[in-house]
Amino acid sequence: MISENLRQNLKDSLFTGIIATAIFLPIVGLRTELNQEKTGLEIIPEWNVTLLLILFCVVGRFIINLRKQSKSNVIANTFSQLGNYFANKGKIFVFSGLLFAIVFPYLPFTDRYLMDVGIMVLTYIMLGWGLNVVVGLAGMLDLGYVAFYAVGSYSFALIATEFDWSFWICLPLAGVFAAFFGILLGFPVLRLRGDYLAIVTLGFGEIIRIILINWYDFTNGPDGISGIPRPTFFGLDFTRNPPEGSESFHTFFNLEYSGMHRIIFLYYVILVLALITNHVTLKIRKLPVGRAWEALREDEIACKSLGVNPTNTKLTAFAIGAMFGGFAGSFFATKQGFISPESFTFIESAIILAIVVLGGMGSQTGVVLATIFLIGFTETFRELEQFRMIAFGAAMVLIMLYKPKGILDQRDPTIRLKGNK
C-alpha cells in the first residue's frame, strides 16, 4: 500500500513535470536554425536536453517534498554551514581571491575569451557592490539600477566624443552625472517603501531607456554612439601603428605588438575600480551615514525617533550607489567602443538585483560569490549560456526557500559595544 504522503508527493511531482514540459518543450526542445540554403528557418529537435530538464524538475520536486516530510532540511543546513565557513574564513578567502584576481591574466590557461569573462565578472561585481549600498545597506528595493549604469555610459560617451577628453577625465564626470540622477530619483520616492518604491524605480529605469531611444538628436537614438575613445596608459595608446611622431604602448616599452596588452590593461582598470568601490563602501559603513543606512533598513520609524533625517539618508544612499553605477557604465562604454539603448534593458537590473539577493544583502563577499556563479560559470561554459535564466530562476527559488537572507547572511556588525568581541 502506498502511503498518503507518498501518493501526494508523486502527484505533485507529476504536476511539476507537466508544467516543465509545457515550458521547456517549445523553448528548449524546438530549436530553430537557418537552413543550408539560407532560405528560411528549420526546426531542430533537442529531445535529450528537454527530457533531462524535465526529469531534473520532477526529481528535484520529489526530493524537496521528501525533505519537508522528513523534517530533515539538508539543503538549508548545507547553506548555513557554507555561510558560516565563509564567514569564519573570510580574510583567508578575500586574500586568496584578490591574489588570484591579480595573477589571473598570466595564468597558463588564461586566453582572450577568459579575459573577457573576467572583465565582465568584475564589472558585475562593481555593479553589485553599488546596488548593495541601496538595497543591502539602506534597505530600499531598486529595480531601475540600470538607469544609472546607462547615464554613466552615455555621459562618458557624449563627453569623450564631443570634447575629445580622455578616459581619466570623463570617468569622474560620469560618476557625478549618475549621482545627480540618483538624487533626482531619490526625491520622488522619499515617502515610498516596499513594493511602491520598487515600482517607481522600475519606471525610472524604463523612462531613461525610452529617452535614450527617442532623443535622437542628443543620444543618436537606437543607432547608438560609436567611436568612443579607448583608455590610455599614461598617454600611450594600444594601437599597432601609432601616428607619426608619437609612441604607443608596445613601442615605448620595446615589446612585440599584441592585442592582449589592451585587454589586460582594461582588466586591471576594472579590478582597481571594483576594489575602490569595495573599500569606499566598507569605510562608509563605519561612518555615521553608513550606520544611518542600516538603521533605516531595520526600522524607519525608530530611525526618525532617534533624530536621523530619513530624507538625507535616502538621498545619500541613492547618490552614492548611482555614482558607482556611473563609474561602471563609463568603463563599459570605453571597453565596448559602442553603446546603444539595447544594452540597458530591465533584465540588467534584474541580474544585478539577483546577484545582491543571492549573495546576501549587505554582504560584500556574497556579491562576489553570486557573480561568479551567475555570470562566471554561464559565460565560461558556452554550452550552458542558453540555460542562464533557468539557473537564475532555480537559484532564486532555492535561496528564497532555504536561505531567505542570502548565502552569506552572517556578517560582522558595523560597530561593537566596548568589551564585546
Protein backbone atom coordinates (compact mmCIF):
# COMPACT_ATOMS: atom_id res chain seq x y z
CA MET A 1 0.00 0.00 0.00
CA ILE A 2 1.26 3.46 -0.94
CA SER A 3 1.04 5.92 1.90
CA GLU A 4 -0.99 9.09 1.51
CA ASN A 5 2.10 11.30 1.78
CA LEU A 6 3.92 9.37 -0.96
CA ARG A 7 0.85 9.43 -3.21
CA GLN A 8 0.55 13.19 -2.76
CA ASN A 9 4.26 13.58 -3.41
CA LEU A 10 4.01 11.61 -6.67
CA LYS A 11 1.02 13.65 -7.83
CA ASP A 12 2.83 16.88 -7.03
CA SER A 13 5.95 15.71 -8.89
CA LEU A 14 3.87 14.64 -11.89
CA PHE A 15 2.17 18.02 -11.99
CA THR A 16 5.61 19.66 -11.85
CA GLY A 17 6.67 17.52 -14.82
CA ILE A 18 3.64 18.65 -16.82
CA ILE A 19 4.44 22.31 -16.15
CA ALA A 20 8.13 21.73 -17.00
CA THR A 21 7.12 20.03 -20.26
CA ALA A 22 4.92 22.98 -21.24
CA ILE A 23 7.78 25.39 -20.55
CA PHE A 24 10.83 23.52 -21.91
CA LEU A 25 9.25 21.80 -24.94
CA PRO A 26 8.76 24.95 -27.05
CA ILE A 27 11.73 26.88 -25.62
CA VAL A 28 14.46 24.23 -25.46
CA GLY A 29 13.09 21.24 -27.37
CA LEU A 30 12.36 23.05 -30.64
CA ARG A 31 15.50 24.93 -31.65
CA THR A 32 15.47 26.93 -34.87
CA GLU A 33 18.40 27.41 -37.22
CA LEU A 34 18.89 28.90 -40.67
CA ASN A 35 18.87 26.06 -43.21
CA GLN A 36 21.77 25.36 -45.52
CA GLU A 37 20.13 27.10 -48.47
CA LYS A 38 19.58 30.15 -46.21
CA THR A 39 16.02 30.46 -47.42
CA GLY A 40 14.32 30.09 -44.07
CA LEU A 41 14.39 28.57 -40.62
CA GLU A 42 14.24 24.88 -39.87
CA ILE A 43 13.30 23.26 -36.58
CA ILE A 44 15.93 21.04 -34.94
CA PRO A 45 14.57 18.92 -32.06
CA GLU A 46 16.52 18.77 -28.80
CA TRP A 47 14.64 15.97 -27.08
CA ASN A 48 17.53 14.71 -24.94
CA VAL A 49 18.17 18.06 -23.31
CA THR A 50 14.44 18.63 -22.84
CA LEU A 51 13.93 15.25 -21.17
CA LEU A 52 16.89 15.85 -18.85
CA LEU A 53 15.48 19.21 -17.76
CA ILE A 54 12.02 17.76 -17.17
CA LEU A 55 13.49 14.83 -15.24
CA PHE A 56 15.58 17.24 -13.15
CA CYS A 57 12.46 19.23 -12.22
CA VAL A 58 10.44 16.11 -11.35
CA VAL A 59 13.18 14.50 -9.25
CA GLY A 60 14.03 17.81 -7.62
CA ARG A 61 10.43 18.41 -6.62
CA PHE A 62 10.15 14.86 -5.29
CA ILE A 63 13.29 15.25 -3.16
CA ILE A 64 12.15 18.64 -1.82
CA ASN A 65 8.82 17.14 -0.74
CA LEU A 66 10.62 14.23 0.94
CA ARG A 67 12.82 16.63 2.88
CA LYS A 68 9.82 18.60 4.03
CA GLN A 69 8.03 15.47 5.15
CA SER A 70 11.03 14.03 6.96
CA LYS A 71 11.79 17.39 8.58
CA SER A 72 15.48 16.98 7.76
CA ASN A 73 16.29 20.11 5.90
CA VAL A 74 19.61 19.06 4.41
CA ILE A 75 19.79 21.89 1.87
CA ALA A 76 19.19 24.57 4.49
CA ASN A 77 21.87 23.05 6.72
CA THR A 78 24.27 22.95 3.78
CA PHE A 79 23.69 26.62 3.01
CA SER A 80 24.10 27.51 6.69
CA GLN A 81 27.35 25.57 7.01
CA LEU A 82 28.65 27.15 3.81
CA GLY A 83 27.77 30.64 5.06
CA ASN A 84 29.37 30.01 8.45
CA TYR A 85 32.51 28.64 6.82
CA PHE A 86 32.96 31.67 4.56
CA ALA A 87 32.19 33.98 7.47
CA ASN A 88 34.80 32.36 9.72
CA LYS A 89 37.45 32.12 6.98
CA GLY A 90 36.58 35.46 5.39
CA LYS A 91 40.03 37.04 5.48
CA ILE A 92 41.69 33.95 4.01
CA PHE A 93 39.22 33.80 1.12
CA VAL A 94 39.45 37.53 0.49
CA PHE A 95 43.24 37.42 0.32
CA SER A 96 43.24 34.29 -1.86
CA GLY A 97 40.62 35.73 -4.19
CA LEU A 98 42.48 39.03 -4.53
CA LEU A 99 45.75 37.22 -5.25
CA PHE A 100 44.03 35.07 -7.88
CA ALA A 101 42.47 38.14 -9.49
CA ILE A 102 45.86 39.87 -9.71
CA VAL A 103 47.68 36.95 -11.36
CA PHE A 104 44.71 35.78 -13.45
CA PRO A 105 45.88 37.36 -16.77
CA TYR A 106 49.22 35.50 -16.54
CA LEU A 107 47.95 32.01 -15.72
CA PRO A 108 48.74 29.32 -18.33
CA PHE A 109 45.10 28.57 -19.17
CA THR A 110 44.01 32.23 -19.50
CA ASP A 111 43.09 33.19 -23.07
CA ARG A 112 41.29 36.10 -24.70
CA TYR A 113 37.85 34.67 -24.02
CA LEU A 114 38.54 34.07 -20.33
CA MET A 115 39.91 37.59 -20.03
CA ASP A 116 36.65 38.97 -21.45
CA VAL A 117 34.73 36.82 -18.97
CA GLY A 118 36.90 38.11 -16.13
CA ILE A 119 36.26 41.71 -17.15
CA MET A 120 32.52 41.03 -17.31
CA VAL A 121 32.54 39.38 -13.87
CA LEU A 122 34.41 42.30 -12.31
CA THR A 123 32.00 44.77 -13.94
CA TYR A 124 29.01 42.98 -12.43
CA ILE A 125 30.78 42.74 -9.07
CA MET A 126 31.23 46.50 -9.12
CA LEU A 127 27.57 46.99 -10.07
CA GLY A 128 26.51 44.57 -7.34
CA TRP A 129 28.51 46.45 -4.73
CA GLY A 130 26.99 49.72 -5.91
CA LEU A 131 23.44 48.38 -5.70
CA ASN A 132 24.28 46.79 -2.35
CA VAL A 133 24.50 50.29 -0.90
CA VAL A 134 20.87 50.99 -1.80
CA VAL A 135 19.32 47.55 -1.32
CA GLY A 136 21.59 45.78 1.16
CA LEU A 137 22.57 48.62 3.47
CA ALA A 138 19.75 51.16 3.16
CA GLY A 139 17.04 48.52 2.58
CA MET A 140 15.40 50.25 -0.42
CA LEU A 141 14.37 47.93 -3.26
CA ASP A 142 15.68 49.40 -6.52
CA LEU A 143 14.54 47.79 -9.79
CA GLY A 144 15.89 50.54 -12.01
CA TYR A 145 19.59 50.50 -11.19
CA VAL A 146 20.44 50.00 -14.86
CA ALA A 147 19.37 53.64 -15.38
CA PHE A 148 22.47 54.89 -13.54
CA TYR A 149 24.57 52.40 -15.49
CA ALA A 150 23.15 53.91 -18.70
CA VAL A 151 23.64 57.51 -17.53
CA GLY A 152 27.28 56.81 -16.77
CA SER A 153 27.84 55.16 -20.16
CA TYR A 154 26.14 57.89 -22.18
CA SER A 155 27.71 60.69 -20.15
CA PHE A 156 31.14 59.27 -20.80
CA ALA A 157 30.44 58.59 -24.48
CA LEU A 158 28.99 62.04 -25.20
CA ILE A 159 31.70 63.97 -23.34
CA ALA A 160 34.53 61.88 -24.81
CA THR A 161 33.29 62.09 -28.41
CA GLU A 162 32.18 65.74 -28.37
CA PHE A 163 35.08 67.28 -26.42
CA ASP A 164 37.74 64.66 -27.14
CA TRP A 165 38.56 64.32 -23.45
CA SER A 166 40.46 61.33 -22.09
CA PHE A 167 39.01 58.43 -20.15
CA TRP A 168 40.53 59.60 -16.88
CA ILE A 169 38.81 62.99 -17.11
CA CYS A 170 35.44 61.62 -18.25
CA LEU A 171 35.35 58.85 -15.63
CA PRO A 172 34.72 61.07 -12.57
CA LEU A 173 32.33 63.27 -14.57
CA ALA A 174 30.25 60.22 -15.48
CA GLY A 175 30.06 59.31 -11.79
CA VAL A 176 28.95 62.84 -10.90
CA PHE A 177 26.20 62.83 -13.53
CA ALA A 178 24.97 59.42 -12.36
CA ALA A 179 24.95 60.62 -8.74
CA PHE A 180 22.92 63.65 -9.81
CA PHE A 181 20.33 61.38 -11.43
CA GLY A 182 20.34 59.28 -8.26
CA ILE A 183 19.35 62.38 -6.29
CA LEU A 184 16.64 63.15 -8.88
CA LEU A 185 15.24 59.67 -8.36
CA GLY A 186 15.54 59.97 -4.59
CA PHE A 187 13.26 63.00 -4.23
CA PRO A 188 10.04 61.39 -5.62
CA VAL A 189 10.48 58.20 -3.56
CA LEU A 190 11.21 59.72 -0.16
CA ARG A 191 7.79 58.78 1.19
CA LEU A 192 7.63 55.36 -0.50
CA ARG A 193 8.77 51.98 0.69
CA GLY A 194 8.42 48.33 -0.24
CA ASP A 195 6.53 47.44 -3.42
CA TYR A 196 5.65 51.07 -4.20
CA LEU A 197 9.32 52.03 -4.15
CA ALA A 198 10.18 49.13 -6.44
CA ILE A 199 7.52 50.17 -8.96
CA VAL A 200 8.75 53.78 -9.07
CA THR A 201 12.39 52.75 -9.55
CA LEU A 202 11.33 50.32 -12.28
CA GLY A 203 9.51 53.14 -14.03
CA PHE A 204 12.54 55.40 -13.71
CA GLY A 205 14.75 52.82 -15.42
CA GLU A 206 12.29 52.49 -18.30
CA ILE A 207 11.98 56.29 -18.63
CA ILE A 208 15.74 56.61 -19.07
CA ARG A 209 15.80 53.85 -21.70
CA ILE A 210 12.91 55.39 -23.67
CA ILE A 211 14.59 58.80 -23.57
CA LEU A 212 17.78 57.27 -24.94
CA ILE A 213 15.81 55.73 -27.80
CA ASN A 214 13.66 58.74 -28.72
CA TRP A 215 16.00 61.71 -28.17
CA TYR A 216 17.78 61.09 -31.45
CA ASP A 217 19.47 64.48 -31.79
CA PHE A 218 21.22 64.06 -28.45
CA THR A 219 21.77 60.31 -27.99
CA ASN A 220 21.64 59.15 -31.64
CA GLY A 221 18.62 57.03 -30.69
CA PRO A 222 18.65 53.29 -31.42
CA ASP A 223 21.73 53.73 -33.64
CA GLY A 224 23.82 54.27 -30.54
CA ILE A 225 27.15 56.05 -30.17
CA SER A 226 30.27 54.67 -31.81
CA GLY A 227 33.90 55.73 -31.94
CA ILE A 228 34.19 56.02 -28.16
CA PRO A 229 37.90 56.55 -27.33
CA ARG A 230 39.81 53.85 -25.51
CA PRO A 231 41.70 54.49 -22.27
CA THR A 232 45.44 55.08 -22.49
CA PHE A 233 48.33 54.09 -20.26
CA PHE A 234 49.69 57.48 -19.22
CA GLY A 235 49.03 58.82 -22.71
CA LEU A 236 50.25 55.69 -24.54
CA ASP A 237 47.71 54.15 -26.91
CA PHE A 238 47.48 50.42 -27.57
CA THR A 239 47.41 50.78 -31.37
CA ARG A 240 49.61 48.75 -33.69
CA ASN A 241 50.68 51.71 -35.84
CA PRO A 242 50.83 54.96 -33.82
CA PRO A 243 50.68 58.32 -35.64
CA GLU A 244 53.97 59.73 -36.83
CA GLY A 245 55.85 61.49 -34.08
CA SER A 246 54.09 59.60 -31.24
CA GLU A 247 54.57 56.29 -29.49
CA SER A 248 52.23 53.52 -28.49
CA PHE A 249 52.44 51.12 -25.56
CA HIS A 250 54.44 48.40 -27.31
CA THR A 251 56.89 50.78 -29.00
CA PHE A 252 57.58 52.69 -25.78
CA PHE A 253 58.38 49.52 -23.83
CA ASN A 254 60.05 47.87 -26.84
CA LEU A 255 57.57 44.99 -26.91
CA GLU A 256 56.11 42.99 -29.75
CA TYR A 257 52.59 44.18 -30.52
CA SER A 258 49.79 42.10 -29.04
CA GLY A 259 46.09 42.77 -28.79
CA MET A 260 46.17 41.27 -25.29
CA HIS A 261 48.00 44.31 -23.94
CA ARG A 262 44.85 46.43 -24.13
CA ILE A 263 42.66 43.64 -22.72
CA ILE A 264 44.97 43.10 -19.75
CA PHE A 265 45.10 46.85 -19.13
CA LEU A 266 41.28 47.05 -19.18
CA TYR A 267 41.13 44.10 -16.80
CA TYR A 268 43.32 45.85 -14.25
CA VAL A 269 41.39 49.10 -14.67
CA ILE A 270 38.07 47.47 -13.76
CA LEU A 271 39.79 45.49 -10.99
CA VAL A 272 41.08 48.72 -9.41
CA LEU A 273 37.67 50.41 -9.83
CA ALA A 274 35.94 47.44 -8.17
CA LEU A 275 38.41 47.43 -5.27
CA ILE A 276 37.93 51.17 -4.80
CA THR A 277 34.16 50.63 -4.71
CA ASN A 278 34.54 47.91 -2.09
CA HIS A 279 36.95 49.97 0.03
CA VAL A 280 34.78 53.10 -0.05
CA THR A 281 31.65 51.10 0.79
CA LEU A 282 33.30 49.42 3.77
CA LYS A 283 34.61 52.76 5.04
CA ILE A 284 31.23 54.49 4.65
CA ARG A 285 29.52 51.71 6.59
CA LYS A 286 31.55 52.69 9.66
CA LEU A 287 30.69 56.38 9.33
CA PRO A 288 27.52 57.88 10.83
CA VAL A 289 25.82 57.92 7.43
CA GLY A 290 26.52 54.20 6.98
CA ARG A 291 25.07 53.37 10.38
CA ALA A 292 22.08 55.56 9.50
CA TRP A 293 21.54 53.47 6.36
CA GLU A 294 21.42 50.26 8.38
CA ALA A 295 19.16 51.86 10.99
CA LEU A 296 16.80 53.00 8.22
CA ARG A 297 16.77 49.49 6.82
CA GLU A 298 15.81 47.94 10.14
CA ASP A 299 13.10 50.40 11.26
CA GLU A 300 12.41 53.78 9.65
CA ILE A 301 10.06 54.92 12.44
CA ALA A 302 12.62 54.17 15.16
CA CYS A 303 15.23 55.85 12.96
CA LYS A 304 13.16 59.06 12.92
CA SER A 305 12.62 58.93 16.67
CA LEU A 306 16.38 58.83 17.19
CA GLY A 307 16.80 62.06 15.27
CA VAL A 308 18.09 60.59 11.99
CA ASN A 309 16.91 62.51 8.93
CA PRO A 310 15.47 59.86 6.56
CA THR A 311 15.42 62.31 3.64
CA ASN A 312 19.15 62.96 3.66
CA THR A 313 19.86 59.32 4.44
CA LYS A 314 17.91 58.04 1.43
CA LEU A 315 19.35 60.67 -0.88
CA THR A 316 22.94 59.84 0.09
CA ALA A 317 22.28 56.12 -0.47
CA PHE A 318 20.81 56.73 -3.92
CA ALA A 319 23.56 59.17 -4.88
CA ILE A 320 26.49 57.00 -3.76
CA GLY A 321 25.02 53.82 -5.23
CA ALA A 322 24.31 55.63 -8.51
CA MET A 323 27.83 57.05 -8.61
CA PHE A 324 29.36 53.56 -8.56
CA GLY A 325 26.92 52.51 -11.28
CA GLY A 326 28.06 55.51 -13.33
CA PHE A 327 31.71 54.52 -12.94
CA ALA A 328 30.91 51.00 -14.15
CA GLY A 329 28.91 52.42 -17.05
CA SER A 330 31.79 54.63 -18.18
CA PHE A 331 34.12 51.62 -18.16
CA PHE A 332 31.57 49.62 -20.15
CA ALA A 333 31.41 52.38 -22.77
CA THR A 334 35.18 52.66 -23.21
CA LYS A 335 35.64 48.90 -23.34
CA GLN A 336 32.96 48.31 -25.95
CA GLY A 337 33.68 51.41 -28.03
CA PHE A 338 29.97 51.43 -28.89
CA ILE A 339 26.81 51.73 -26.79
CA SER A 340 23.11 51.68 -27.57
CA PRO A 341 19.89 51.57 -25.51
CA GLU A 342 19.68 47.81 -26.09
CA SER A 343 22.49 47.34 -23.58
CA PHE A 344 20.45 48.84 -20.73
CA THR A 345 17.22 46.86 -20.55
CA PHE A 346 15.35 45.80 -17.44
CA ILE A 347 16.98 42.37 -17.48
CA GLU A 348 20.28 44.01 -16.50
CA SER A 349 18.67 45.46 -13.37
CA ALA A 350 17.16 42.06 -12.60
CA ILE A 351 20.55 40.35 -12.92
CA ILE A 352 22.28 42.86 -10.64
CA LEU A 353 19.48 42.62 -8.06
CA ALA A 354 19.64 38.81 -8.23
CA ILE A 355 23.37 38.98 -7.51
CA VAL A 356 22.78 41.13 -4.42
CA VAL A 357 19.91 38.99 -3.12
CA LEU A 358 21.57 35.63 -3.75
CA GLY A 359 24.85 36.71 -2.21
CA GLY A 360 23.20 38.13 0.89
CA MET A 361 22.02 41.69 1.16
CA GLY A 362 24.74 43.78 2.75
CA SER A 363 27.45 41.19 2.23
CA GLN A 364 30.36 42.26 0.03
CA THR A 365 31.81 38.73 -0.23
CA GLY A 366 28.38 37.33 -1.03
CA VAL A 367 28.13 39.61 -4.07
CA VAL A 368 31.43 38.20 -5.36
CA LEU A 369 30.31 34.58 -4.92
CA ALA A 370 26.92 35.19 -6.53
CA THR A 371 28.52 36.99 -9.50
CA ILE A 372 30.98 34.16 -10.08
CA PHE A 373 28.12 31.66 -10.01
CA LEU A 374 25.59 33.59 -12.10
CA ILE A 375 27.91 35.31 -14.58
CA GLY A 376 31.23 33.48 -14.50
CA PHE A 377 30.01 29.91 -14.82
CA THR A 378 27.41 30.60 -17.50
CA GLU A 379 29.89 32.64 -19.58
CA THR A 380 32.82 30.26 -19.13
CA PHE A 381 30.84 27.21 -20.24
CA ARG A 382 29.34 28.40 -23.50
CA GLU A 383 27.07 25.39 -23.88
CA LEU A 384 25.29 26.46 -20.66
CA GLU A 385 24.68 30.04 -21.79
CA GLN A 386 21.18 29.27 -23.05
CA PHE A 387 20.26 27.95 -19.62
CA ARG A 388 21.37 31.10 -17.77
CA MET A 389 17.89 32.33 -16.95
CA ILE A 390 16.89 28.83 -15.84
CA ALA A 391 19.88 28.86 -13.50
CA PHE A 392 18.83 32.31 -12.24
CA GLY A 393 15.32 31.11 -11.52
CA ALA A 394 16.41 27.87 -9.86
CA ALA A 395 18.98 29.67 -7.71
CA MET A 396 16.45 32.29 -6.64
CA VAL A 397 13.88 29.64 -5.71
CA LEU A 398 16.38 27.60 -3.69
CA ILE A 399 17.77 30.63 -1.88
CA MET A 400 14.32 32.02 -1.04
CA LEU A 401 13.18 28.63 0.25
CA TYR A 402 16.19 27.62 2.29
CA LYS A 403 18.27 30.76 2.84
CA PRO A 404 15.97 33.80 2.51
CA LYS A 405 18.67 36.24 3.62
CA GLY A 406 21.20 35.04 1.05
CA ILE A 407 24.15 32.67 1.06
CA LEU A 408 26.29 34.88 3.31
CA ASP A 409 23.71 36.48 5.56
CA GLN A 410 26.14 36.49 8.51
CA ARG A 411 28.48 39.47 8.61
CA ASP A 412 30.34 41.36 11.27
CA PRO A 413 28.42 44.23 12.84
CA THR A 414 29.35 47.74 11.77
CA ILE A 415 30.06 48.83 15.33
CA ARG A 416 30.58 46.88 18.55
CA LEU A 417 29.94 47.87 22.12
CA LYS A 418 33.01 48.27 24.26
CA GLY A 419 34.10 44.97 25.76
CA ASN A 420 32.22 42.80 23.24
CA LYS A 421 34.18 40.61 20.83
